[in-house]
N, C-alpha and C. Protein backbone atom coordinates (compact mmCIF):
# COMPACT_ATOMS: atom_id res chain seq x y z
N UNK A 1 190.12 52.63 337.93
CA UNK A 1 189.52 52.95 336.66
C UNK A 1 188.05 52.49 336.71
N UNK A 2 187.16 53.31 336.24
CA UNK A 2 185.74 52.99 336.30
C UNK A 2 185.34 52.06 335.16
N UNK A 3 184.18 51.45 335.31
CA UNK A 3 183.66 50.53 334.29
C UNK A 3 183.44 51.22 332.95
N UNK A 4 182.87 52.42 332.89
CA UNK A 4 182.72 53.10 331.59
C UNK A 4 184.06 53.38 330.91
N UNK A 5 185.08 53.69 331.71
CA UNK A 5 186.41 53.93 331.13
C UNK A 5 186.98 52.64 330.54
N UNK A 6 186.79 51.54 331.24
CA UNK A 6 187.26 50.24 330.73
C UNK A 6 186.52 49.86 329.45
N UNK A 7 185.22 50.10 329.41
CA UNK A 7 184.44 49.82 328.20
C UNK A 7 184.94 50.64 327.03
N UNK A 8 185.26 51.90 327.30
CA UNK A 8 185.76 52.78 326.24
C UNK A 8 187.11 52.29 325.73
N UNK A 9 187.97 51.87 326.64
CA UNK A 9 189.29 51.35 326.25
C UNK A 9 189.12 50.08 325.44
N UNK A 10 188.24 49.19 325.87
CA UNK A 10 188.00 47.94 325.13
C UNK A 10 187.47 48.23 323.73
N UNK A 11 186.57 49.18 323.62
CA UNK A 11 186.02 49.54 322.30
C UNK A 11 187.12 50.07 321.39
N UNK A 12 187.97 50.90 321.95
CA UNK A 12 189.06 51.46 321.14
C UNK A 12 190.04 50.37 320.72
N UNK A 13 190.34 49.43 321.60
CA UNK A 13 191.23 48.33 321.26
C UNK A 13 190.63 47.45 320.16
N UNK A 14 189.33 47.19 320.24
CA UNK A 14 188.66 46.40 319.20
C UNK A 14 188.74 47.11 317.85
N UNK A 15 188.55 48.42 317.85
CA UNK A 15 188.63 49.19 316.60
C UNK A 15 190.05 49.15 316.02
N UNK A 16 191.04 49.26 316.88
CA UNK A 16 192.44 49.17 316.43
C UNK A 16 192.70 47.80 315.83
N UNK A 17 192.20 46.75 316.48
CA UNK A 17 192.36 45.39 315.97
C UNK A 17 191.71 45.25 314.60
N UNK A 18 190.53 45.83 314.43
CA UNK A 18 189.85 45.78 313.14
C UNK A 18 190.66 46.48 312.06
N UNK A 19 191.27 47.59 312.40
CA UNK A 19 192.09 48.32 311.42
C UNK A 19 193.35 47.54 311.06
N UNK A 20 193.92 46.83 312.02
CA UNK A 20 195.12 46.03 311.74
C UNK A 20 194.82 44.88 310.79
N UNK A 21 193.61 44.36 310.83
CA UNK A 21 193.20 43.28 309.94
C UNK A 21 193.39 43.70 308.48
N UNK A 22 193.14 44.95 308.19
CA UNK A 22 193.24 45.43 306.81
C UNK A 22 194.66 45.40 306.27
N UNK A 23 195.66 45.25 307.15
CA UNK A 23 197.05 45.19 306.71
C UNK A 23 197.53 43.77 306.47
N UNK A 24 196.73 42.78 306.82
CA UNK A 24 197.12 41.39 306.64
C UNK A 24 196.76 40.90 305.24
N UNK A 25 197.53 39.95 304.73
CA UNK A 25 197.25 39.34 303.43
C UNK A 25 196.35 38.12 303.58
N UNK A 26 196.62 37.30 304.58
CA UNK A 26 195.85 36.08 304.83
C UNK A 26 195.02 36.29 306.09
N UNK A 27 193.72 36.04 305.97
CA UNK A 27 192.79 36.27 307.07
C UNK A 27 192.14 34.97 307.52
N UNK A 28 191.91 34.85 308.81
CA UNK A 28 191.14 33.72 309.31
C UNK A 28 189.66 34.06 309.24
N UNK A 29 188.81 33.17 309.70
CA UNK A 29 187.35 33.39 309.60
C UNK A 29 186.91 34.66 310.32
N UNK A 30 187.37 34.84 311.54
CA UNK A 30 186.94 35.99 312.33
C UNK A 30 187.40 37.30 311.67
N UNK A 31 188.63 37.31 311.18
CA UNK A 31 189.15 38.51 310.53
C UNK A 31 188.41 38.79 309.23
N UNK A 32 188.09 37.73 308.48
CA UNK A 32 187.33 37.91 307.24
C UNK A 32 185.94 38.44 307.54
N UNK A 33 185.36 37.98 308.63
CA UNK A 33 184.05 38.46 309.04
C UNK A 33 184.11 39.95 309.39
N UNK A 34 185.13 40.35 310.10
CA UNK A 34 185.31 41.76 310.45
C UNK A 34 185.50 42.59 309.19
N UNK A 35 186.36 42.11 308.28
CA UNK A 35 186.67 42.88 307.08
C UNK A 35 185.45 43.04 306.18
N UNK A 36 184.68 41.98 306.01
CA UNK A 36 183.56 42.01 305.07
C UNK A 36 182.26 42.49 305.69
N UNK A 37 182.17 42.36 307.00
CA UNK A 37 180.90 42.70 307.66
C UNK A 37 179.89 41.57 307.57
N UNK A 38 180.34 40.40 307.14
CA UNK A 38 179.47 39.22 307.01
C UNK A 38 179.58 38.41 308.30
N UNK A 39 178.46 37.96 308.82
CA UNK A 39 178.48 37.18 310.06
C UNK A 39 179.26 35.88 309.85
N UNK A 40 179.79 35.35 310.96
CA UNK A 40 180.54 34.10 310.88
C UNK A 40 179.69 32.97 310.33
N UNK A 41 178.43 32.88 310.75
CA UNK A 41 177.58 31.78 310.28
C UNK A 41 177.34 31.88 308.77
N UNK A 42 177.13 33.08 308.27
CA UNK A 42 176.91 33.24 306.83
C UNK A 42 178.21 32.98 306.06
N UNK A 43 179.32 33.38 306.64
CA UNK A 43 180.62 33.14 306.01
C UNK A 43 180.89 31.64 305.91
N UNK A 44 180.58 30.89 306.96
CA UNK A 44 180.73 29.43 306.92
C UNK A 44 179.85 28.83 305.81
N UNK A 45 178.63 29.32 305.71
CA UNK A 45 177.72 28.82 304.68
C UNK A 45 178.30 29.09 303.29
N UNK A 46 178.83 30.29 303.09
CA UNK A 46 179.42 30.63 301.79
C UNK A 46 180.62 29.75 301.46
N UNK A 47 181.43 29.41 302.46
CA UNK A 47 182.59 28.55 302.20
C UNK A 47 182.14 27.13 301.87
N UNK A 48 181.09 26.66 302.52
CA UNK A 48 180.59 25.30 302.26
C UNK A 48 179.98 25.16 300.88
N UNK A 49 179.34 26.21 300.40
CA UNK A 49 178.67 26.15 299.11
C UNK A 49 179.56 26.60 297.96
N UNK A 50 180.79 27.01 298.25
CA UNK A 50 181.69 27.49 297.21
C UNK A 50 181.31 28.88 296.74
N UNK A 51 180.60 29.61 297.57
CA UNK A 51 180.14 30.94 297.20
C UNK A 51 181.16 32.03 297.41
N UNK A 52 182.29 31.69 298.04
CA UNK A 52 183.31 32.69 298.34
C UNK A 52 184.68 32.01 298.22
N UNK A 53 185.68 32.69 297.67
CA UNK A 53 187.00 32.07 297.54
C UNK A 53 187.68 31.92 298.91
N UNK A 54 188.16 30.70 299.18
CA UNK A 54 188.82 30.44 300.46
C UNK A 54 189.84 29.32 300.30
N UNK A 55 190.61 29.10 301.36
CA UNK A 55 191.66 28.09 301.37
C UNK A 55 191.55 27.24 302.63
N UNK A 56 191.83 25.94 302.49
CA UNK A 56 191.85 25.02 303.63
C UNK A 56 193.13 24.19 303.53
N UNK A 57 194.27 24.79 303.85
CA UNK A 57 195.55 24.09 303.66
C UNK A 57 195.70 22.82 304.49
N UNK A 58 195.10 22.78 305.65
CA UNK A 58 195.21 21.58 306.49
C UNK A 58 193.94 20.75 306.46
N UNK A 59 192.97 21.20 305.65
CA UNK A 59 191.70 20.49 305.56
C UNK A 59 190.74 20.83 306.69
N UNK A 60 191.15 21.72 307.58
CA UNK A 60 190.30 22.05 308.70
C UNK A 60 190.07 23.57 308.80
N UNK A 61 191.09 24.31 309.13
CA UNK A 61 190.97 25.76 309.28
C UNK A 61 190.78 26.42 307.92
N UNK A 62 189.96 27.45 307.89
CA UNK A 62 189.65 28.15 306.64
C UNK A 62 190.33 29.51 306.66
N UNK A 63 190.96 29.85 305.54
CA UNK A 63 191.65 31.13 305.39
C UNK A 63 191.20 31.82 304.12
N UNK A 64 191.40 33.11 304.09
CA UNK A 64 191.01 33.93 302.95
C UNK A 64 192.15 34.83 302.54
N UNK A 65 192.26 35.08 301.25
CA UNK A 65 193.20 36.07 300.73
C UNK A 65 192.46 37.41 300.71
N UNK A 66 193.01 38.42 301.35
CA UNK A 66 192.35 39.70 301.48
C UNK A 66 192.00 40.30 300.12
N UNK A 67 192.93 40.25 299.17
CA UNK A 67 192.67 40.82 297.83
C UNK A 67 191.54 40.09 297.12
N UNK A 68 191.49 38.76 297.27
CA UNK A 68 190.40 37.99 296.66
C UNK A 68 189.06 38.34 297.30
N UNK A 69 189.07 38.54 298.62
CA UNK A 69 187.84 38.94 299.30
C UNK A 69 187.37 40.31 298.81
N UNK A 70 188.32 41.24 298.66
CA UNK A 70 187.96 42.57 298.17
C UNK A 70 187.36 42.49 296.77
N UNK A 71 187.98 41.67 295.91
CA UNK A 71 187.46 41.50 294.54
C UNK A 71 186.08 40.85 294.58
N UNK A 72 185.90 39.87 295.46
CA UNK A 72 184.61 39.19 295.60
C UNK A 72 183.54 40.17 296.06
N UNK A 73 183.88 41.05 296.99
CA UNK A 73 182.93 42.05 297.48
C UNK A 73 182.53 43.04 296.39
N UNK A 74 183.44 43.26 295.43
CA UNK A 74 183.18 44.26 294.39
C UNK A 74 182.56 43.67 293.12
N UNK A 75 182.21 42.39 293.13
CA UNK A 75 181.60 41.80 291.95
C UNK A 75 180.13 42.23 291.86
N UNK A 76 179.55 42.11 290.71
CA UNK A 76 178.14 42.43 290.55
C UNK A 76 177.84 43.91 290.73
N UNK A 77 178.74 44.74 290.28
CA UNK A 77 178.57 46.18 290.44
C UNK A 77 177.32 46.65 289.71
N UNK A 78 176.56 47.52 290.37
CA UNK A 78 175.38 48.12 289.76
C UNK A 78 175.79 49.42 289.09
N UNK A 79 175.32 49.62 287.87
CA UNK A 79 175.64 50.85 287.17
C UNK A 79 174.81 52.00 287.72
N UNK A 80 175.36 53.19 287.62
CA UNK A 80 174.65 54.36 288.11
C UNK A 80 173.66 54.84 287.06
N UNK A 81 172.73 55.66 287.47
CA UNK A 81 171.77 56.25 286.55
C UNK A 81 172.50 57.07 285.49
N UNK A 82 173.52 57.77 285.92
CA UNK A 82 174.31 58.58 284.98
C UNK A 82 174.96 57.70 283.91
N UNK A 83 175.50 56.55 284.29
CA UNK A 83 176.12 55.64 283.32
C UNK A 83 175.08 55.09 282.34
N UNK A 84 173.89 54.78 282.83
CA UNK A 84 172.82 54.28 281.96
C UNK A 84 172.42 55.35 280.96
N UNK A 85 172.24 56.58 281.44
CA UNK A 85 171.85 57.68 280.56
C UNK A 85 172.92 57.96 279.52
N UNK A 86 174.18 57.89 279.91
CA UNK A 86 175.28 58.12 278.98
C UNK A 86 175.32 57.03 277.90
N UNK A 87 175.11 55.78 278.30
CA UNK A 87 175.11 54.67 277.35
C UNK A 87 173.92 54.81 276.39
N UNK A 88 172.77 55.21 276.91
CA UNK A 88 171.60 55.39 276.06
C UNK A 88 171.82 56.52 275.07
N UNK A 89 172.41 57.60 275.53
CA UNK A 89 172.70 58.74 274.66
C UNK A 89 173.66 58.35 273.55
N UNK A 90 174.70 57.60 273.90
CA UNK A 90 175.68 57.15 272.91
C UNK A 90 175.03 56.21 271.92
N UNK A 91 174.17 55.31 272.39
CA UNK A 91 173.49 54.35 271.52
C UNK A 91 172.60 55.08 270.51
N UNK A 92 171.84 56.05 270.98
CA UNK A 92 170.94 56.80 270.10
C UNK A 92 171.74 57.61 269.09
N UNK A 93 172.84 58.21 269.54
CA UNK A 93 173.67 59.04 268.66
C UNK A 93 174.34 58.20 267.57
N UNK A 94 174.77 57.00 267.91
CA UNK A 94 175.50 56.17 266.95
C UNK A 94 174.63 55.28 266.09
N UNK A 95 173.36 55.11 266.43
CA UNK A 95 172.47 54.21 265.70
C UNK A 95 172.15 54.80 264.33
N UNK A 96 172.44 54.06 263.25
CA UNK A 96 172.17 54.59 261.91
C UNK A 96 170.67 54.73 261.65
N UNK A 97 170.31 55.76 260.93
CA UNK A 97 168.94 55.97 260.54
C UNK A 97 168.11 56.76 261.54
N UNK A 98 168.62 57.00 262.73
CA UNK A 98 167.88 57.75 263.72
C UNK A 98 168.08 59.24 263.46
N UNK A 99 167.00 59.95 263.34
CA UNK A 99 167.07 61.39 263.13
C UNK A 99 167.38 61.78 261.70
N UNK A 100 167.41 60.83 260.76
CA UNK A 100 167.72 61.16 259.36
C UNK A 100 166.47 61.44 258.58
C-alpha cells in the first residue's frame, strides 16, 4: 500500500472517529475539542475560568456533557435582520398614537 493511500485511510478513520463522538453523552477534553472546534488550550482556559460547563469527578480529568456543550455553543444567538425588521414593524403597528 502506498503512502498516499495510507494517508487517505488515516484521514477517513479520523473523520469516522469524529462522527462517533457525536453519539456519546460524556466527552473527554479531546472529544469536546473535536465536537466544538475549540482548541485544547482554549478549552482548558475556559474550564479554569468557569467559562464552560464541565465535570471533574476525580478532581483531575475533565469531562463534558454533550447536550450542555451544545446548549453552551448556542448561547448568545444573534437575531437576523428579518427578525429585527419584523419586531420594528410590530412595535410601530402596536404603538398608540402613531399614524393617528
